[in-house]
Every structure is written in structure tokens, then in C-alpha cells.
PDB file of all heavy atoms in Angstrom:
ATOM      1  N   GLY A   1     167.880  95.140  99.391  1.00  0.00           N
ATOM      2  CA  GLY A   1     167.989  95.919 100.611  1.00  0.00           C
ATOM      3  C   GLY A   1     168.943  97.069 100.529  1.00  0.00           C
ATOM      4  O   GLY A   1     168.766  98.047 101.236  1.00  0.00           O
ATOM      5  N   GLY A   2     169.962  96.971  99.691  1.00  0.00           N
ATOM      6  CA  GLY A   2     170.881  98.090  99.548  1.00  0.00           C
ATOM      7  C   GLY A   2     170.382  99.045  98.505  1.00  0.00           C
ATOM      8  O   GLY A   2     169.443  98.790  97.766  1.00  0.00           O
ATOM      9  N   PRO A   3     171.023 100.236  98.398  1.00  0.00           N
ATOM     10  CA  PRO A   3     170.564 101.217  97.393  1.00  0.00           C
ATOM     11  C   PRO A   3     170.863 100.732  95.983  1.00  0.00           C
ATOM     12  O   PRO A   3     171.919 100.092  95.771  1.00  0.00           O
ATOM     13  CB  PRO A   3     171.368 102.442  97.746  1.00  0.00           C
ATOM     14  CG  PRO A   3     172.595 101.975  98.449  1.00  0.00           C
ATOM     15  CD  PRO A   3     172.154 100.745  99.195  1.00  0.00           C
ATOM     16  N   GLN A   4     169.998 101.018  95.054  1.00  0.00           N
ATOM     17  CA  GLN A   4     170.274 100.733  93.657  1.00  0.00           C
ATOM     18  C   GLN A   4     171.111 101.849  93.076  1.00  0.00           C
ATOM     19  O   GLN A   4     170.940 103.022  93.417  1.00  0.00           O
ATOM     20  CB  GLN A   4     168.959 100.581  92.886  1.00  0.00           C
ATOM     21  CG  GLN A   4     168.251  99.267  93.116  1.00  0.00           C
ATOM     22  CD  GLN A   4     169.025  98.077  92.534  1.00  0.00           C
ATOM     23  OE1 GLN A   4     169.630  98.194  91.487  1.00  0.00           O
ATOM     24  NE2 GLN A   4     168.976  96.949  93.207  1.00  0.00           N
ATOM     25  N   CYS A   5     172.026 101.493  92.177  1.00  0.00           N
ATOM     26  CA  CYS A   5     172.962 102.465  91.611  1.00  0.00           C
ATOM     27  C   CYS A   5     172.801 102.516  90.108  1.00  0.00           C
ATOM     28  O   CYS A   5     173.560 101.882  89.345  1.00  0.00           O
ATOM     29  CB  CYS A   5     174.402 102.094  91.965  1.00  0.00           C
ATOM     30  SG  CYS A   5     174.684 101.945  93.715  1.00  0.00           S
ATOM     31  N   PRO A   6     171.791 103.258  89.588  1.00  0.00           N
ATOM     32  CA  PRO A   6     171.609 103.318  88.150  1.00  0.00           C
ATOM     33  C   PRO A   6     172.766 103.957  87.445  1.00  0.00           C
ATOM     34  O   PRO A   6     173.469 104.794  88.011  1.00  0.00           O
ATOM     35  CB  PRO A   6     170.318 104.148  87.990  1.00  0.00           C
ATOM     36  CG  PRO A   6     170.230 104.921  89.243  1.00  0.00           C
ATOM     37  CD  PRO A   6     170.831 104.080  90.335  1.00  0.00           C
ATOM     38  N   GLN A   7     172.956 103.575  86.173  1.00  0.00           N
ATOM     39  CA  GLN A   7     173.994 104.207  85.328  1.00  0.00           C
ATOM     40  C   GLN A   7     173.493 105.448  84.643  1.00  0.00           C
ATOM     41  O   GLN A   7     174.262 106.354  84.360  1.00  0.00           O
ATOM     42  CB  GLN A   7     174.430 103.218  84.259  1.00  0.00           C
ATOM     43  CG  GLN A   7     175.580 102.343  84.632  1.00  0.00           C
ATOM     44  CD  GLN A   7     175.861 101.309  83.553  1.00  0.00           C
ATOM     45  OE1 GLN A   7     175.176 100.277  83.533  1.00  0.00           O
ATOM     46  NE2 GLN A   7     176.821 101.563  82.692  1.00  0.00           N
ATOM     47  N   ALA A   8     172.189 105.463  84.354  1.00  0.00           N
ATOM     48  CA  ALA A   8     171.627 106.595  83.618  1.00  0.00           C
ATOM     49  C   ALA A   8     170.425 107.125  84.412  1.00  0.00           C
ATOM     50  O   ALA A   8     169.620 106.331  84.910  1.00  0.00           O
ATOM     51  CB  ALA A   8     171.183 106.175  82.213  1.00  0.00           C
ATOM     52  N   LEU A   9     170.319 108.456  84.458  1.00  0.00           N
ATOM     53  CA  LEU A   9     169.233 109.098  85.139  1.00  0.00           C
ATOM     54  C   LEU A   9     168.603 110.153  84.196  1.00  0.00           C
ATOM     55  O   LEU A   9     169.277 111.023  83.717  1.00  0.00           O
ATOM     56  CB  LEU A   9     169.714 109.812  86.397  1.00  0.00           C
ATOM     57  CG  LEU A   9     168.717 110.719  87.136  1.00  0.00           C
ATOM     58  CD1 LEU A   9     167.536 109.927  87.646  1.00  0.00           C
ATOM     59  CD2 LEU A   9     169.414 111.480  88.282  1.00  0.00           C
ATOM     60  N   ILE A  10     167.303 109.972  83.969  1.00  0.00           N
ATOM     61  CA  ILE A  10     166.533 110.921  83.128  1.00  0.00           C
ATOM     62  C   ILE A  10     165.561 111.630  84.057  1.00  0.00           C
ATOM     63  O   ILE A  10     164.733 111.011  84.703  1.00  0.00           O
ATOM     64  CB  ILE A  10     165.785 110.229  82.010  1.00  0.00           C
ATOM     65  CG1 ILE A  10     166.746 109.418  81.141  1.00  0.00           C
ATOM     66  CG2 ILE A  10     164.998 111.214  81.178  1.00  0.00           C
ATOM     67  CD1 ILE A  10     166.058 108.449  80.166  1.00  0.00           C
ATOM     68  N   ILE A  11     165.680 112.979  84.128  1.00  0.00           N
ATOM     69  CA  ILE A  11     164.773 113.729  85.003  1.00  0.00           C
ATOM     70  C   ILE A  11     163.814 114.518  84.107  1.00  0.00           C
ATOM     71  O   ILE A  11     164.212 115.183  83.148  1.00  0.00           O
ATOM     72  CB  ILE A  11     165.549 114.734  85.903  1.00  0.00           C
ATOM     73  CG1 ILE A  11     166.726 113.991  86.614  1.00  0.00           C
ATOM     74  CG2 ILE A  11     164.614 115.319  86.938  1.00  0.00           C
ATOM     75  CD1 ILE A  11     167.520 114.882  87.554  1.00  0.00           C
ATOM     76  N   SER A  12     162.537 114.406  84.458  1.00  0.00           N
ATOM     77  CA  SER A  12     161.423 115.001  83.671  1.00  0.00           C
ATOM     78  C   SER A  12     160.618 115.889  84.586  1.00  0.00           C
ATOM     79  O   SER A  12     160.435 115.631  85.748  1.00  0.00           O
ATOM     80  CB  SER A  12     160.565 113.896  83.091  1.00  0.00           C
ATOM     81  OG  SER A  12     159.256 114.311  82.849  1.00  0.00           O
ATOM     82  N   PRO A  13     160.046 116.988  84.035  1.00  0.00           N
ATOM     83  CA  PRO A  13     159.285 117.912  84.871  1.00  0.00           C
ATOM     84  C   PRO A  13     157.879 117.450  85.268  1.00  0.00           C
ATOM     85  O   PRO A  13     157.366 117.929  86.232  1.00  0.00           O
ATOM     86  CB  PRO A  13     159.193 119.214  84.014  1.00  0.00           C
ATOM     87  CG  PRO A  13     159.311 118.727  82.625  1.00  0.00           C
ATOM     88  CD  PRO A  13     160.236 117.549  82.668  1.00  0.00           C
ATOM     89  N   THR A  14     157.279 116.507  84.489  1.00  0.00           N
ATOM     90  CA  THR A  14     155.936 116.089  84.815  1.00  0.00           C
ATOM     91  C   THR A  14     155.814 114.601  84.878  1.00  0.00           C
ATOM     92  O   THR A  14     156.601 113.849  84.267  1.00  0.00           O
ATOM     93  CB  THR A  14     154.917 116.588  83.738  1.00  0.00           C
ATOM     94  OG1 THR A  14     155.141 115.916  82.504  1.00  0.00           O
ATOM     95  CG2 THR A  14     155.006 118.106  83.531  1.00  0.00           C
ATOM     96  N   ARG A  15     154.844 114.127  85.641  1.00  0.00           N
ATOM     97  CA  ARG A  15     154.617 112.691  85.817  1.00  0.00           C
ATOM     98  C   ARG A  15     154.283 112.031  84.500  1.00  0.00           C
ATOM     99  O   ARG A  15     154.778 110.949  84.180  1.00  0.00           O
ATOM    100  CB  ARG A  15     153.467 112.474  86.833  1.00  0.00           C
ATOM    101  CG  ARG A  15     153.735 113.056  88.175  1.00  0.00           C
ATOM    102  CD  ARG A  15     152.455 113.039  89.034  1.00  0.00           C
ATOM    103  NE  ARG A  15     152.667 113.629  90.313  1.00  0.00           N
ATOM    104  CZ  ARG A  15     151.713 113.756  91.233  1.00  0.00           C
ATOM    105  NH1 ARG A  15     150.483 113.328  90.963  1.00  0.00           N
ATOM    106  NH2 ARG A  15     151.953 114.284  92.415  1.00  0.00           N
ATOM    107  N   GLU A  16     153.442 112.725  83.695  1.00  0.00           N
ATOM    108  CA  GLU A  16     152.971 112.109  82.458  1.00  0.00           C
ATOM    109  C   GLU A  16     154.138 111.936  81.462  1.00  0.00           C
ATOM    110  O   GLU A  16     154.216 110.931  80.770  1.00  0.00           O
ATOM    111  CB  GLU A  16     151.890 112.964  81.805  1.00  0.00           C
ATOM    112  CG  GLU A  16     150.539 112.903  82.537  1.00  0.00           C
ATOM    113  CD  GLU A  16     150.531 113.652  83.868  1.00  0.00           C
ATOM    114  OE1 GLU A  16     151.340 114.577  84.118  1.00  0.00           O
ATOM    115  OE2 GLU A  16     149.669 113.286  84.730  1.00  0.00           O
ATOM    116  N   LEU A  17     155.018 112.942  81.419  1.00  0.00           N
ATOM    117  CA  LEU A  17     156.176 112.827  80.502  1.00  0.00           C
ATOM    118  C   LEU A  17     157.126 111.751  81.001  1.00  0.00           C
ATOM    119  O   LEU A  17     157.707 111.025  80.221  1.00  0.00           O
ATOM    120  CB  LEU A  17     156.879 114.190  80.379  1.00  0.00           C
ATOM    121  CG  LEU A  17     158.069 114.246  79.430  1.00  0.00           C
ATOM    122  CD1 LEU A  17     157.692 113.718  78.054  1.00  0.00           C
ATOM    123  CD2 LEU A  17     158.624 115.672  79.339  1.00  0.00           C
ATOM    124  N   ALA A  18     157.331 111.649  82.309  1.00  0.00           N
ATOM    125  CA  ALA A  18     158.199 110.597  82.850  1.00  0.00           C
ATOM    126  C   ALA A  18     157.675 109.223  82.435  1.00  0.00           C
ATOM    127  O   ALA A  18     158.449 108.347  82.008  1.00  0.00           O
ATOM    128  CB  ALA A  18     158.267 110.691  84.380  1.00  0.00           C
ATOM    129  N   CYS A  19     156.364 109.002  82.545  1.00  0.00           N
ATOM    130  CA  CYS A  19     155.789 107.722  82.129  1.00  0.00           C
ATOM    131  C   CYS A  19     155.984 107.437  80.646  1.00  0.00           C
ATOM    132  O   CYS A  19     156.258 106.324  80.209  1.00  0.00           O
ATOM    133  CB  CYS A  19     154.285 107.674  82.443  1.00  0.00           C
ATOM    134  SG  CYS A  19     153.949 107.612  84.239  1.00  0.00           S
ATOM    135  N   GLN A  20     155.857 108.487  79.825  1.00  0.00           N
ATOM    136  CA  GLN A  20     156.027 108.358  78.379  1.00  0.00           C
ATOM    137  C   GLN A  20     157.470 107.980  78.024  1.00  0.00           C
ATOM    138  O   GLN A  20     157.714 107.090  77.204  1.00  0.00           O
ATOM    139  CB  GLN A  20     155.639 109.654  77.725  1.00  0.00           C
ATOM    140  CG  GLN A  20     155.666 109.629  76.195  1.00  0.00           C
ATOM    141  CD  GLN A  20     155.093 110.903  75.612  1.00  0.00           C
ATOM    142  OE1 GLN A  20     153.900 111.133  75.652  1.00  0.00           O
ATOM    143  NE2 GLN A  20     155.931 111.737  75.064  1.00  0.00           N
ATOM    144  N   ILE A  21     158.449 108.633  78.680  1.00  0.00           N
ATOM    145  CA  ILE A  21     159.844 108.296  78.434  1.00  0.00           C
ATOM    146  C   ILE A  21     160.128 106.852  78.853  1.00  0.00           C
ATOM    147  O   ILE A  21     160.818 106.122  78.167  1.00  0.00           O
ATOM    148  CB  ILE A  21     160.773 109.288  79.174  1.00  0.00           C
ATOM    149  CG1 ILE A  21     160.610 110.725  78.617  1.00  0.00           C
ATOM    150  CG2 ILE A  21     162.236 108.843  79.072  1.00  0.00           C
ATOM    151  CD1 ILE A  21     161.240 111.773  79.529  1.00  0.00           C
ATOM    152  N   TYR A  22     159.584 106.463  79.995  1.00  0.00           N
ATOM    153  CA  TYR A  22     159.735 105.112  80.506  1.00  0.00           C
ATOM    154  C   TYR A  22     159.225 104.077  79.485  1.00  0.00           C
ATOM    155  O   TYR A  22     159.901 103.089  79.206  1.00  0.00           O
ATOM    156  CB  TYR A  22     159.013 104.984  81.855  1.00  0.00           C
ATOM    157  CG  TYR A  22     158.763 103.565  82.302  1.00  0.00           C
ATOM    158  CD1 TYR A  22     159.839 102.763  82.739  1.00  0.00           C
ATOM    159  CD2 TYR A  22     157.480 103.000  82.318  1.00  0.00           C
ATOM    160  CE1 TYR A  22     159.638 101.469  83.148  1.00  0.00           C
ATOM    161  CE2 TYR A  22     157.276 101.704  82.733  1.00  0.00           C
ATOM    162  CZ  TYR A  22     158.355 100.921  83.140  1.00  0.00           C
ATOM    163  OH  TYR A  22     158.142  99.635  83.556  1.00  0.00           O
ATOM    164  N   ASN A  23     158.060 104.350  78.910  1.00  0.00           N
ATOM    165  CA  ASN A  23     157.500 103.404  77.958  1.00  0.00           C
ATOM    166  C   ASN A  23     158.353 103.347  76.676  1.00  0.00           C
ATOM    167  O   ASN A  23     158.497 102.284  76.059  1.00  0.00           O
ATOM    168  CB  ASN A  23     156.054 103.778  77.628  1.00  0.00           C
ATOM    169  CG  ASN A  23     155.113 103.365  78.744  1.00  0.00           C
ATOM    170  OD1 ASN A  23     155.264 102.330  79.358  1.00  0.00           O
ATOM    171  ND2 ASN A  23     154.126 104.220  79.017  1.00  0.00           N
ATOM    172  N   GLU A  24     158.939 104.511  76.259  1.00  0.00           N
ATOM    173  CA  GLU A  24     159.849 104.489  75.105  1.00  0.00           C
ATOM    174  C   GLU A  24     161.087 103.653  75.426  1.00  0.00           C
ATOM    175  O   GLU A  24     161.565 102.878  74.631  1.00  0.00           O
ATOM    176  CB  GLU A  24     160.233 105.922  74.758  1.00  0.00           C
ATOM    177  CG  GLU A  24     159.159 106.695  74.058  1.00  0.00           C
ATOM    178  CD  GLU A  24     158.852 106.169  72.661  1.00  0.00           C
ATOM    179  OE1 GLU A  24     159.726 106.382  71.770  1.00  0.00           O
ATOM    180  OE2 GLU A  24     157.836 105.545  72.472  1.00  0.00           O
ATOM    181  N   ALA A  25     161.619 103.821  76.663  1.00  0.00           N
ATOM    182  CA  ALA A  25     162.794 103.054  77.060  1.00  0.00           C
ATOM    183  C   ALA A  25     162.482 101.550  77.137  1.00  0.00           C
ATOM    184  O   ALA A  25     163.329 100.710  76.735  1.00  0.00           O
ATOM    185  CB  ALA A  25     163.301 103.578  78.425  1.00  0.00           C
ATOM    186  N   ARG A  26     161.313 101.196  77.623  1.00  0.00           N
ATOM    187  CA  ARG A  26     160.893  99.788  77.661  1.00  0.00           C
ATOM    188  C   ARG A  26     160.880  99.243  76.270  1.00  0.00           C
ATOM    189  O   ARG A  26     161.269  98.066  76.016  1.00  0.00           O
ATOM    190  CB  ARG A  26     159.489  99.652  78.287  1.00  0.00           C
ATOM    191  CG  ARG A  26     159.452  99.641  79.768  1.00  0.00           C
ATOM    192  CD  ARG A  26     158.099  99.112  80.274  1.00  0.00           C
ATOM    193  NE  ARG A  26     156.958  99.528  79.494  1.00  0.00           N
ATOM    194  CZ  ARG A  26     156.052  98.675  78.950  1.00  0.00           C
ATOM    195  NH1 ARG A  26     156.191  97.396  79.090  1.00  0.00           N
ATOM    196  NH2 ARG A  26     155.004  99.148  78.276  1.00  0.00           N
ATOM    197  N   LYS A  27     160.360  99.982  75.334  1.00  0.00           N
ATOM    198  CA  LYS A  27     160.241  99.531  73.933  1.00  0.00           C
ATOM    199  C   LYS A  27     161.605  99.295  73.326  1.00  0.00           C
ATOM    200  O   LYS A  27     161.870  98.226  72.748  1.00  0.00           O
ATOM    201  CB  LYS A  27     159.474 100.628  73.131  1.00  0.00           C
ATOM    202  CG  LYS A  27     159.352 100.307  71.645  1.00  0.00           C
ATOM    203  CD  LYS A  27     158.480 101.364  70.959  1.00  0.00           C
ATOM    204  CE  LYS A  27     159.157 102.695  70.836  1.00  0.00           C
ATOM    205  NZ  LYS A  27     158.339 103.684  70.086  1.00  0.00           N
ATOM    206  N   PHE A  28     162.505 100.281  73.449  1.00  0.00           N
ATOM    207  CA  PHE A  28     163.806 100.138  72.827  1.00  0.00           C
ATOM    208  C   PHE A  28     164.674  99.049  73.478  1.00  0.00           C
ATOM    209  O   PHE A  28     165.533  98.469  72.851  1.00  0.00           O
ATOM    210  CB  PHE A  28     164.548 101.473  72.807  1.00  0.00           C
ATOM    211  CG  PHE A  28     163.960 102.492  71.879  1.00  0.00           C
ATOM    212  CD1 PHE A  28     163.727 103.779  72.299  1.00  0.00           C
ATOM    213  CD2 PHE A  28     163.601 102.170  70.593  1.00  0.00           C
ATOM    214  CE1 PHE A  28     163.180 104.747  71.450  1.00  0.00           C
ATOM    215  CE2 PHE A  28     163.033 103.081  69.718  1.00  0.00           C
ATOM    216  CZ  PHE A  28     162.822 104.369  70.165  1.00  0.00           C
ATOM    217  N   SER A  29     164.444  98.810  74.788  1.00  0.00           N
ATOM    218  CA  SER A  29     165.255  97.827  75.518  1.00  0.00           C
ATOM    219  C   SER A  29     164.607  96.441  75.534  1.00  0.00           C
ATOM    220  O   SER A  29     165.062  95.566  76.246  1.00  0.00           O
ATOM    221  CB  SER A  29     165.526  98.309  76.943  1.00  0.00           C
ATOM    222  OG  SER A  29     164.342  98.466  77.672  1.00  0.00           O
ATOM    223  N   TYR A  30     163.533  96.288  74.801  1.00  0.00           N
ATOM    224  CA  TYR A  30     162.800  95.008  74.773  1.00  0.00           C
ATOM    225  C   TYR A  30     163.773  93.865  74.421  1.00  0.00           C
ATOM    226  O   TYR A  30     164.586  93.981  73.480  1.00  0.00           O
ATOM    227  CB  TYR A  30     161.696  95.108  73.702  1.00  0.00           C
ATOM    228  CG  TYR A  30     160.830  93.893  73.552  1.00  0.00           C
ATOM    229  CD1 TYR A  30     159.997  93.502  74.584  1.00  0.00           C
ATOM    230  CD2 TYR A  30     160.775  93.192  72.361  1.00  0.00           C
ATOM    231  CE1 TYR A  30     159.153  92.376  74.437  1.00  0.00           C
ATOM    232  CE2 TYR A  30     159.969  92.075  72.171  1.00  0.00           C
ATOM    233  CZ  TYR A  30     159.164  91.677  73.217  1.00  0.00           C
ATOM    234  OH  TYR A  30     158.345  90.596  73.068  1.00  0.00           O
ATOM    235  N   GLU A  31     163.707  92.801  75.206  1.00  0.00           N
ATOM    236  CA  GLU A  31     164.550  91.611  75.026  1.00  0.00           C
ATOM    237  C   GLU A  31     166.044  91.900  75.202  1.00  0.00           C
ATOM    238  O   GLU A  31     166.898  91.263  74.623  1.00  0.00           O
ATOM    239  CB  GLU A  31     164.287  90.916  73.686  1.00  0.00           C
ATOM    240  CG  GLU A  31     162.860  90.350  73.582  1.00  0.00           C
ATOM    241  CD  GLU A  31     162.682  89.452  72.392  1.00  0.00           C
ATOM    242  OE1 GLU A  31     163.374  89.643  71.390  1.00  0.00           O
ATOM    243  OE2 GLU A  31     161.793  88.543  72.460  1.00  0.00           O
ATOM    244  N   THR A  32     166.344  92.904  76.044  1.00  0.00           N
ATOM    245  CA  THR A  32     167.745  93.127  76.497  1.00  0.00           C
ATOM    246  C   THR A  32     167.737  92.991  77.992  1.00  0.00           C
ATOM    247  O   THR A  32     166.688  92.859  78.671  1.00  0.00           O
ATOM    248  CB  THR A  32     168.255  94.523  76.113  1.00  0.00           C
ATOM    249  OG1 THR A  32     167.640  95.534  76.913  1.00  0.00           O
ATOM    250  CG2 THR A  32     168.023  94.821  74.637  1.00  0.00           C
ATOM    251  N   ILE A  33     168.937  93.088  78.602  1.00  0.00           N
ATOM    252  CA  ILE A  33     169.021  92.983  80.075  1.00  0.00           C
ATOM    253  C   ILE A  33     168.970  94.328  80.761  1.00  0.00           C
ATOM    254  O   ILE A  33     169.133  94.411  81.981  1.00  0.00           O
ATOM    255  CB  ILE A  33     170.339  92.249  80.480  1.00  0.00           C
ATOM    256  CG1 ILE A  33     171.581  92.992  79.907  1.00  0.00           C
ATOM    257  CG2 ILE A  33     170.305  90.822  79.979  1.00  0.00           C
ATOM    258  CD1 ILE A  33     172.908  92.396  80.400  1.00  0.00           C
ATOM    259  N   VAL A  34     168.722  95.394  79.999  1.00  0.00           N
ATOM    260  CA  VAL A  34     168.644  96.755  80.600  1.00  0.00           C
ATOM    261  C   VAL A  34     167.357  96.844  81.420  1.00  0.00           C
ATOM    262  O   VAL A  34     166.253  96.619  80.897  1.00  0.00           O
ATOM    263  CB  VAL A  34     168.671  97.868  79.515  1.00  0.00           C
ATOM    264  CG1 VAL A  34     168.459  99.201  80.169  1.00  0.00           C
ATOM    265  CG2 VAL A  34     169.977  97.805  78.794  1.00  0.00           C
ATOM    266  N   LYS A  35     167.476  97.155  82.704  1.00  0.00           N
ATOM    267  CA  LYS A  35     166.305  97.278  83.575  1.00  0.00           C
ATOM    268  C   LYS A  35     165.978  98.771  83.733  1.00  0.00           C
ATOM    269  O   LYS A  35     166.816  99.546  84.220  1.00  0.00           O
ATOM    270  CB  LYS A  35     166.565  96.644  84.941  1.00  0.00           C
ATOM    271  CG  LYS A  35     166.703  95.157  84.900  1.00  0.00           C
ATOM    272  CD  LYS A  35     166.893  94.554  86.283  1.00  0.00           C
ATOM    273  CE  LYS A  35     166.983  93.044  86.247  1.00  0.00           C
ATOM    274  NZ  LYS A  35     167.224  92.480  87.589  1.00  0.00           N
ATOM    275  N   THR A  36     164.770  99.131  83.312  1.00  0.00           N
ATOM    276  CA  THR A  36     164.300 100.527  83.423  1.00  0.00           C
ATOM    277  C   THR A  36     163.231 100.671  84.444  1.00  0.00           C
ATOM    278  O   THR A  36     162.326  99.807  84.535  1.00  0.00           O
ATOM    279  CB  THR A  36     163.782 100.981  82.042  1.00  0.00           C
ATOM    280  OG1 THR A  36     164.782 100.847  81.050  1.00  0.00           O
ATOM    281  CG2 THR A  36     163.310 102.437  82.085  1.00  0.00           C
ATOM    282  N   VAL A  37     163.321 101.676  85.296  1.00  0.00           N
ATOM    283  CA  VAL A  37     162.317 101.925  86.305  1.00  0.00           C
ATOM    284  C   VAL A  37     161.928 103.426  86.247  1.00  0.00           C
ATOM    285  O   VAL A  37     162.724 104.256  85.898  1.00  0.00           O
ATOM    286  CB  VAL A  37     162.881 101.614  87.721  1.00  0.00           C
ATOM    287  CG1 VAL A  37     161.827 101.912  88.808  1.00  0.00           C
ATOM    288  CG2 VAL A  37     163.340 100.175  87.807  1.00  0.00           C
ATOM    289  N   VAL A  38     160.629 103.685  86.535  1.00  0.00           N
ATOM    290  CA  VAL A  38     160.160 105.055  86.598  1.00  0.00           C
ATOM    291  C   VAL A  38     159.638 105.347  88.013  1.00  0.00           C
ATOM    292  O   VAL A  38     158.950 104.494  88.623  1.00  0.00           O
ATOM    293  CB  VAL A  38     159.045 105.328  85.541  1.00  0.00           C
ATOM    294  CG1 VAL A  38     157.816 104.446  85.727  1.00  0.00           C
ATOM    295  CG2 VAL A  38     158.654 106.794  85.520  1.00  0.00           C
ATOM    296  N   VAL A  39     159.963 106.521  88.558  1.00  0.00           N
ATOM    297  CA  VAL A  39     159.415 106.945  89.848  1.00  0.00           C
ATOM    298  C   VAL A  39     158.875 108.363  89.733  1.00  0.00           C
ATOM    299  O   VAL A  39     159.526 109.234  89.185  1.00  0.00           O
ATOM    300  CB  VAL A  39     160.482 106.833  90.980  1.00  0.00           C
ATOM    301  CG1 VAL A  39     160.945 105.373  91.135  1.00  0.00           C
ATOM    302  CG2 VAL A  39     161.665 107.722  90.759  1.00  0.00           C
ATOM    303  N   TYR A  40     157.711 108.569  90.298  1.00  0.00           N
ATOM    304  CA  TYR A  40     157.055 109.875  90.240  1.00  0.00           C
ATOM    305  C   TYR A  40     156.018 109.954  91.358  1.00  0.00           C
ATOM    306  O   TYR A  40     155.636 108.931  91.955  1.00  0.00           O
ATOM    307  CB  TYR A  40     156.418 110.128  88.862  1.00  0.00           C
ATOM    308  CG  TYR A  40     155.438 109.067  88.437  1.00  0.00           C
ATOM    309  CD1 TYR A  40     154.085 109.192  88.654  1.00  0.00           C
ATOM    310  CD2 TYR A  40     155.872 107.907  87.787  1.00  0.00           C
ATOM    311  CE1 TYR A  40     153.196 108.221  88.232  1.00  0.00           C
ATOM    312  CE2 TYR A  40     155.018 106.909  87.395  1.00  0.00           C
ATOM    313  CZ  TYR A  40     153.653 107.086  87.613  1.00  0.00           C
ATOM    314  OH  TYR A  40     152.734 106.118  87.204  1.00  0.00           O
ATOM    315  N   GLY A  41     155.604 111.154  91.660  1.00  0.00           N
ATOM    316  CA  GLY A  41     154.647 111.384  92.766  1.00  0.00           C
ATOM    317  C   GLY A  41     153.232 110.910  92.423  1.00  0.00           C
ATOM    318  O   GLY A  41     152.893 110.590  91.310  1.00  0.00           O
TER     319      GLY A  41
END
């Protein structure tokens, strides 16, 4: 219910690139506790 406070913010100009960066982050953080989220229009 409260706002989420991420430690790292990556801003991308396009939706497709944002999704690609998100998938790379998912890959590298696999089996860790780092939670990655992507938001785009």
C-alpha cells in the first residue's frame, strides 16, 4: 500500500529497450534477492 523505494533507477527512451534491460537484469540477478520491475506505457 505504501510507495516502493527502489535503490536503482534505469531510465530508457523506448519501451522495447526497457524490456530488454529488464530481462538482462532478471538474468544477472537470478537466484538472488534483488527484485527487478519494469514499467512502461
